Amino acid sequence: SYEKAVTCTDRMDYLAPMSNNAVYCMAVEKLVGLDVPERAQVMRVLCLELTRIQSHLVWLGTHAIDLGAMSVFLYCFREREKILDMFEMLSGQRMMGSYMRPGGVWRDFPDEFVPTLEAFLDDFPRRIDDYEKLLTTNPLWLDRTQGIGVIEPDVALAWGVSGASLRGSGVNWDIRKAMPYSGYEHYDFNVPLGEHGDVYDRYLCRIREMRESHRIIRQALKKLPSASGGFRSDNRKFVPPPRAELGRSMEAVIHHFKLWTEGFNAPDQEVYAAIESPRGEIGCYLHGTGGNKPRRIHFKTPSFMHIQAIPQMSQNHMIADLVAIIGSVDIVLGDCDR
């Protein structure tokens, strides 16, 4: 059923499970016309940007260790552990939490979440400064990344490159700005761009993206108390009732039973939803049947698109450069072979 399929999406791009959850839920919501309360949208933005940071931390740590910078790997995973601890607070799982659901999120933030997040936000900017001190002007890092793996803007577009890998070539395309979703049009943030389209520019774009995600989360925290609505839609035809209602409402018991045994019906129509995942554009094509299961779901994932562009970036380079090039496009193989 549509609700239970959320667990499958966690396991595609396993470094950005909430991004996978979100684009799938947005497609379902679009198909059935399900509302998402303002507070739930703010919660989604906050979680999506935390996901972007923790994914970029894995990218930076592994990219650096591939090129011989051991310390950066250890520091990045130190910060990522803090984010995974917060995800565990939300869903009970560090990674595959299925936290986002059609109509909003699974549950409200627990009491300890916001103070923990604020402490992380206070500390994180100086950690990014540390990463940059180790790498950004390091002569060995510059030798291994500058002028390596160049892809021109028109070639990148022709091969379907997106995200920071595209913006590193100077193309100003970010779905959060170009086609806003979840209220992103109400947040103030910049889209970092590169100039040369090489490994170094793709590195700088993601470093700066982490700083911008930090800004967005700060803004989301300020919006959270005043945002209207709950953490999930009240439409009982699509969203299970709160457990507290089951002891006093027969109608709630009926909705609960029907939704968890059969699910809900969705029209025999086609929809497409897309968001800006940490790796680029992830899209979900969804075709309903009129019944409780879809006819077809297809995901357009950024890693699948990027892996085909690697030969274009790798021409006339050394085998050692290929290591840097692969790292710079941030491929997750679960995102390719779904």
Protein backbone atom coordinates (compact mmCIF):
# COMPACT_ATOMS: atom_id res chain seq x y z
CA SER A 1 0.00 0.00 0.00
CA TYR A 2 1.03 3.62 -0.39
CA GLU A 3 1.80 4.16 3.30
CA LYS A 4 3.83 0.99 3.78
CA ALA A 5 5.96 1.65 0.68
CA VAL A 6 7.73 4.49 2.51
CA THR A 7 10.09 1.92 4.05
CA CYS A 8 11.34 0.94 0.58
CA THR A 9 12.39 4.51 -0.21
CA ASP A 10 14.73 4.71 2.81
CA ARG A 11 17.00 2.14 1.25
CA MET A 12 17.67 3.67 -2.17
CA ASP A 13 20.04 6.54 -1.48
CA TYR A 14 20.95 5.26 1.97
CA LEU A 15 22.83 8.48 2.82
CA ALA A 16 19.70 10.60 2.28
CA PRO A 17 16.73 8.47 3.40
CA MET A 18 14.59 11.47 4.34
CA SER A 19 15.02 12.99 0.89
CA ASN A 20 13.75 9.73 -0.61
CA ASN A 21 10.83 9.71 1.86
CA ALA A 22 9.95 13.30 1.05
CA VAL A 23 9.83 13.04 -2.74
CA TYR A 24 7.75 9.86 -2.56
CA CYS A 25 5.33 11.38 -0.04
CA MET A 26 5.03 14.52 -2.17
CA ALA A 27 4.07 12.39 -5.17
CA VAL A 28 1.42 10.55 -3.14
CA GLU A 29 0.08 13.84 -1.78
CA LYS A 30 -0.09 15.25 -5.30
CA LEU A 31 -1.92 12.17 -6.57
CA VAL A 32 -4.65 12.15 -3.91
CA GLY A 33 -4.78 15.90 -3.12
CA LEU A 34 -3.65 15.49 0.48
CA ASP A 35 -2.84 18.62 2.49
CA VAL A 36 0.31 19.06 4.59
CA PRO A 37 0.07 21.47 7.57
CA GLU A 38 2.46 24.41 7.74
CA ARG A 39 4.19 23.07 10.85
CA ALA A 40 4.79 19.74 9.14
CA GLN A 41 6.31 21.55 6.14
CA VAL A 42 8.73 23.41 8.42
CA MET A 43 9.64 20.13 10.13
CA ARG A 44 10.29 18.57 6.73
CA VAL A 45 12.57 21.43 5.66
CA LEU A 46 14.53 21.14 8.89
CA CYS A 47 14.98 17.38 8.49
CA LEU A 48 15.86 17.67 4.79
CA GLU A 49 18.62 20.18 5.51
CA LEU A 50 19.99 18.07 8.35
CA THR A 51 20.01 15.19 5.87
CA ARG A 52 21.90 17.35 3.37
CA ILE A 53 24.56 18.17 5.98
CA GLN A 54 25.09 14.60 7.17
CA SER A 55 25.24 13.34 3.57
CA HIS A 56 27.78 16.01 2.63
CA LEU A 57 29.83 15.04 5.69
CA VAL A 58 30.07 11.46 4.43
CA TRP A 59 30.98 12.76 0.97
CA LEU A 60 33.69 15.07 2.33
CA GLY A 61 35.19 12.51 4.69
CA THR A 62 35.34 9.71 2.12
CA HIS A 63 36.43 12.01 -0.71
CA ALA A 64 39.26 13.33 1.45
CA ILE A 65 40.44 9.90 2.60
CA ASP A 66 40.42 8.70 -1.03
CA LEU A 67 42.97 11.44 -1.72
CA GLY A 68 45.03 10.73 1.40
CA ALA A 69 43.58 13.20 3.95
CA MET A 70 42.90 10.86 6.86
CA SER A 71 42.07 13.42 9.57
CA VAL A 72 39.15 14.99 7.70
CA PHE A 73 37.37 11.65 7.54
CA LEU A 74 37.49 11.26 11.32
CA TYR A 75 36.33 14.84 11.96
CA CYS A 76 33.41 14.63 9.50
CA PHE A 77 32.10 11.42 11.02
CA ARG A 78 32.34 12.98 14.48
CA GLU A 79 29.79 15.63 13.43
CA ARG A 80 27.66 13.18 11.48
CA GLU A 81 27.21 11.01 14.56
CA LYS A 82 25.51 13.93 16.29
CA ILE A 83 23.01 14.26 13.45
CA LEU A 84 22.30 10.52 13.41
CA ASP A 85 21.69 10.67 17.15
CA MET A 86 19.06 13.35 16.48
CA PHE A 87 17.45 11.22 13.78
CA GLU A 88 17.26 8.40 16.31
CA MET A 89 15.40 10.75 18.65
CA LEU A 90 12.85 11.41 15.91
CA SER A 91 12.22 7.93 14.56
CA GLY A 92 14.01 5.37 16.71
CA GLN A 93 16.46 4.69 13.87
CA ARG A 94 19.72 6.38 12.93
CA MET A 95 19.28 6.00 9.18
CA MET A 96 16.23 4.08 7.90
CA GLY A 97 13.64 5.90 9.97
CA SER A 98 10.71 6.27 7.51
CA TYR A 99 10.05 9.49 9.39
CA MET A 100 8.22 11.31 6.62
CA ARG A 101 4.75 10.05 5.78
CA PRO A 102 2.03 11.14 3.35
CA GLY A 103 0.44 14.23 4.90
CA GLY A 104 3.39 15.22 7.09
CA VAL A 105 5.75 13.34 9.40
CA TRP A 106 5.36 10.34 11.69
CA ARG A 107 5.30 12.21 14.99
CA ASP A 108 6.15 15.54 16.56
CA PHE A 109 9.65 16.46 17.69
CA PRO A 110 10.41 15.02 21.15
CA ASP A 111 11.27 17.51 23.90
CA GLU A 112 15.01 16.82 23.80
CA PHE A 113 15.34 17.29 20.02
CA VAL A 114 15.35 21.09 19.68
CA PRO A 115 17.89 21.75 22.51
CA THR A 116 20.19 19.09 21.03
CA LEU A 117 19.83 20.62 17.57
CA GLU A 118 20.56 24.13 18.85
CA ALA A 119 23.75 22.91 20.54
CA PHE A 120 24.82 21.30 17.27
CA LEU A 121 24.09 24.47 15.30
CA ASP A 122 26.16 26.55 17.73
CA ASP A 123 29.15 24.27 17.23
CA PHE A 124 28.95 23.35 13.54
CA PRO A 125 30.23 26.52 11.76
CA ARG A 126 33.62 26.31 13.45
CA ARG A 127 33.83 22.64 12.43
CA ILE A 128 33.37 23.63 8.78
CA ASP A 129 36.12 26.20 9.32
CA ASP A 130 38.36 23.37 10.51
CA TYR A 131 37.67 21.31 7.38
CA GLU A 132 38.53 24.29 5.20
CA LYS A 133 41.75 25.00 7.10
CA LEU A 134 42.85 21.46 6.38
CA LEU A 135 41.89 21.38 2.70
CA THR A 136 40.85 24.57 0.90
CA THR A 137 44.34 26.05 0.53
CA ASN A 138 46.31 22.84 1.06
CA PRO A 139 48.80 22.60 -1.86
CA LEU A 140 48.43 18.82 -2.11
CA TRP A 141 44.64 19.13 -2.22
CA LEU A 142 44.88 21.84 -4.88
CA ASP A 143 47.19 19.69 -7.02
CA ARG A 144 44.77 16.74 -6.86
CA THR A 145 41.57 18.73 -7.54
CA GLN A 146 42.14 21.92 -9.57
CA GLY A 147 41.81 21.46 -13.32
CA ILE A 148 40.84 17.80 -12.82
CA GLY A 149 37.54 16.35 -14.07
CA VAL A 150 36.34 19.48 -15.83
CA ILE A 151 32.85 19.28 -17.33
CA GLU A 152 31.51 22.26 -19.25
CA PRO A 153 28.01 23.57 -18.42
CA ASP A 154 26.41 22.52 -21.72
CA VAL A 155 27.93 19.04 -21.50
CA ALA A 156 26.80 18.65 -17.89
CA LEU A 157 23.24 19.60 -18.83
CA ALA A 158 23.26 17.27 -21.83
CA TRP A 159 24.25 14.32 -19.61
CA GLY A 160 21.62 15.07 -16.98
CA VAL A 161 23.99 16.21 -14.24
CA SER A 162 22.29 18.05 -11.37
CA GLY A 163 22.91 19.26 -7.83
CA ALA A 164 26.32 20.50 -6.71
CA SER A 165 27.96 18.60 -9.56
CA LEU A 166 26.07 20.84 -12.01
CA ARG A 167 26.40 24.02 -9.98
CA GLY A 168 30.16 23.45 -9.83
CA SER A 169 30.11 24.15 -13.58
CA GLY A 170 28.40 27.49 -12.96
CA VAL A 171 24.81 26.48 -13.79
CA ASN A 172 22.45 28.19 -11.37
CA TRP A 173 19.85 25.44 -10.94
CA ASP A 174 18.54 24.43 -7.53
CA ILE A 175 15.01 23.00 -7.32
CA ARG A 176 14.55 24.63 -3.92
CA LYS A 177 14.81 28.00 -5.70
CA ALA A 178 13.56 27.17 -9.21
CA MET A 179 10.49 25.10 -8.20
CA PRO A 180 10.06 25.63 -4.44
CA TYR A 181 8.38 22.97 -2.33
CA SER A 182 7.62 22.67 1.41
CA GLY A 183 7.77 26.47 1.70
CA TYR A 184 11.40 26.88 0.57
CA GLU A 185 10.39 30.16 -1.10
CA HIS A 186 10.09 31.66 2.38
CA TYR A 187 13.70 30.91 3.37
CA ASP A 188 16.67 33.16 2.73
CA PHE A 189 19.64 31.23 1.36
CA ASN A 190 22.17 31.40 -1.47
CA VAL A 191 22.98 28.85 -4.17
CA PRO A 192 26.79 28.36 -4.29
CA LEU A 193 28.24 28.23 -7.81
CA GLY A 194 31.61 27.23 -9.25
CA GLU A 195 33.47 28.76 -12.17
CA HIS A 196 35.60 26.01 -13.70
CA GLY A 197 33.54 22.82 -13.35
CA ASP A 198 36.44 20.84 -11.87
CA VAL A 199 36.81 18.62 -8.80
CA TYR A 200 37.83 21.63 -6.69
CA ASP A 201 34.75 23.67 -7.60
CA ARG A 202 32.45 20.77 -6.78
CA TYR A 203 34.22 20.51 -3.42
CA LEU A 204 33.73 24.23 -2.70
CA CYS A 205 30.05 24.12 -3.68
CA ARG A 206 29.27 21.38 -1.18
CA ILE A 207 31.28 23.03 1.60
CA ARG A 208 29.29 26.23 1.06
CA GLU A 209 26.05 24.28 0.82
CA MET A 210 26.60 23.00 4.35
CA ARG A 211 26.85 26.61 5.54
CA GLU A 212 23.63 27.48 3.68
CA SER A 213 21.85 24.45 5.15
CA HIS A 214 22.91 25.70 8.58
CA ARG A 215 21.23 29.06 7.77
CA ILE A 216 18.03 27.36 6.61
CA ILE A 217 17.78 25.22 9.76
CA ARG A 218 18.18 28.32 11.94
CA GLN A 219 15.30 29.95 10.06
CA ALA A 220 13.16 26.81 10.30
CA LEU A 221 13.64 26.71 14.07
CA LYS A 222 12.39 30.30 14.32
CA LYS A 223 9.33 29.48 12.19
CA LEU A 224 8.46 26.31 14.08
CA PRO A 225 6.67 27.77 17.15
CA SER A 226 4.41 30.05 15.09
CA ALA A 227 3.65 27.58 12.27
CA SER A 228 -0.02 26.58 12.16
CA GLY A 229 -1.35 23.02 12.17
CA GLY A 230 0.04 19.81 13.60
CA PHE A 231 2.77 17.48 12.43
CA ARG A 232 0.43 15.64 10.05
CA SER A 233 -2.80 16.17 8.13
CA ASP A 234 -6.14 15.58 9.89
CA ASN A 235 -7.65 13.95 6.80
CA ARG A 236 -8.69 10.58 8.23
CA LYS A 237 -9.33 9.11 4.77
CA PHE A 238 -5.56 9.05 4.24
CA VAL A 239 -3.88 9.53 7.64
CA PRO A 240 -4.32 7.17 10.63
CA PRO A 241 -5.88 8.82 13.70
CA PRO A 242 -3.75 9.50 16.80
CA ARG A 243 -3.59 6.58 19.19
CA ALA A 244 -5.29 8.69 21.87
CA GLU A 245 -8.49 8.82 19.78
CA LEU A 246 -8.86 5.03 19.53
CA GLY A 247 -10.17 4.65 23.08
CA ARG A 248 -13.00 7.14 22.65
CA SER A 249 -14.03 7.12 18.98
CA MET A 250 -15.42 4.17 17.03
CA GLU A 251 -14.95 6.13 13.81
CA ALA A 252 -11.24 6.48 14.62
CA VAL A 253 -10.98 2.72 15.19
CA ILE A 254 -12.61 2.08 11.80
CA HIS A 255 -10.25 4.48 10.01
CA HIS A 256 -7.26 2.93 11.80
CA PHE A 257 -8.32 -0.61 10.84
CA LYS A 258 -9.05 0.27 7.22
CA LEU A 259 -5.85 2.26 6.68
CA TRP A 260 -3.54 -0.39 8.17
CA THR A 261 -5.21 -3.39 6.54
CA GLU A 262 -6.18 -2.04 3.11
CA GLY A 263 -4.63 1.42 2.84
CA PHE A 264 -6.33 4.16 0.84
CA ASN A 265 -7.33 4.32 -2.81
CA ALA A 266 -5.64 6.71 -5.23
CA PRO A 267 -6.97 7.77 -8.64
CA ASP A 268 -5.86 6.21 -11.92
CA GLN A 269 -3.67 9.18 -12.84
CA GLU A 270 0.02 10.04 -13.29
CA VAL A 271 2.04 12.53 -11.25
CA TYR A 272 5.68 13.55 -10.94
CA ALA A 273 7.36 15.25 -8.00
CA ALA A 274 11.00 16.36 -7.70
CA ILE A 275 13.18 17.78 -4.95
CA GLU A 276 16.81 18.81 -4.45
CA SER A 277 18.46 15.89 -2.67
CA PRO A 278 22.08 16.15 -1.42
CA ARG A 279 23.22 14.64 -4.73
CA GLY A 280 20.91 16.55 -7.07
CA GLU A 281 17.44 16.14 -8.54
CA ILE A 282 15.55 13.14 -7.29
CA GLY A 283 12.16 12.67 -8.91
CA CYS A 284 9.29 10.28 -8.29
CA TYR A 285 6.89 9.27 -11.08
CA LEU A 286 3.75 7.69 -9.65
CA HIS A 287 0.85 6.10 -11.55
CA GLY A 288 -2.19 5.10 -9.55
CA THR A 289 -4.78 2.45 -10.38
CA GLY A 290 -7.88 3.67 -8.60
CA GLY A 291 -7.12 1.05 -5.94
CA ASN A 292 -4.91 0.81 -2.89
CA LYS A 293 -1.65 0.02 -4.74
CA PRO A 294 0.10 1.93 -7.52
CA ARG A 295 0.48 0.59 -11.04
CA ARG A 296 4.01 1.92 -11.31
CA ILE A 297 6.55 3.95 -9.35
CA HIS A 298 9.78 5.07 -10.96
CA PHE A 299 12.52 7.15 -9.35
CA LYS A 300 14.84 9.41 -11.32
CA THR A 301 17.92 9.43 -9.13
CA PRO A 302 20.94 11.75 -9.44
CA SER A 303 23.67 9.14 -8.93
CA PHE A 304 22.34 7.11 -11.85
CA MET A 305 22.62 10.20 -14.05
CA HIS A 306 26.05 11.21 -12.74
CA ILE A 307 27.72 7.83 -13.15
CA GLN A 308 27.12 8.01 -16.91
CA ALA A 309 28.87 11.42 -17.06
CA ILE A 310 32.12 10.17 -15.47
CA PRO A 311 33.70 9.20 -18.84
CA GLN A 312 33.13 12.77 -20.02
CA MET A 313 35.02 14.12 -17.00
CA SER A 314 37.80 11.53 -17.12
CA GLN A 315 39.19 11.86 -20.64
CA ASN A 316 42.97 12.37 -20.83
CA HIS A 317 43.42 12.00 -17.06
CA MET A 318 45.46 9.56 -15.00
CA ILE A 319 43.96 6.59 -13.13
CA ALA A 320 44.76 8.39 -9.87
CA ASP A 321 42.67 11.33 -11.06
CA LEU A 322 39.71 9.00 -11.60
CA VAL A 323 39.58 8.48 -7.83
CA ALA A 324 39.20 12.23 -7.32
CA ILE A 325 36.61 12.55 -10.10
CA ILE A 326 34.39 9.75 -8.80
CA GLY A 327 34.53 11.24 -5.31
CA SER A 328 33.68 14.70 -6.58
CA VAL A 329 30.32 13.67 -8.07
CA ASP A 330 29.26 11.98 -4.80
CA ILE A 331 27.81 8.74 -6.14
CA VAL A 332 25.81 6.39 -3.91
CA LEU A 333 25.44 3.03 -5.61
CA GLY A 334 22.16 2.28 -3.87
CA ASP A 335 20.93 5.33 -5.75
CA CYS A 336 22.04 3.79 -9.07
CA ASP A 337 21.06 0.15 -8.76
CA ARG A 338 17.65 0.42 -7.13
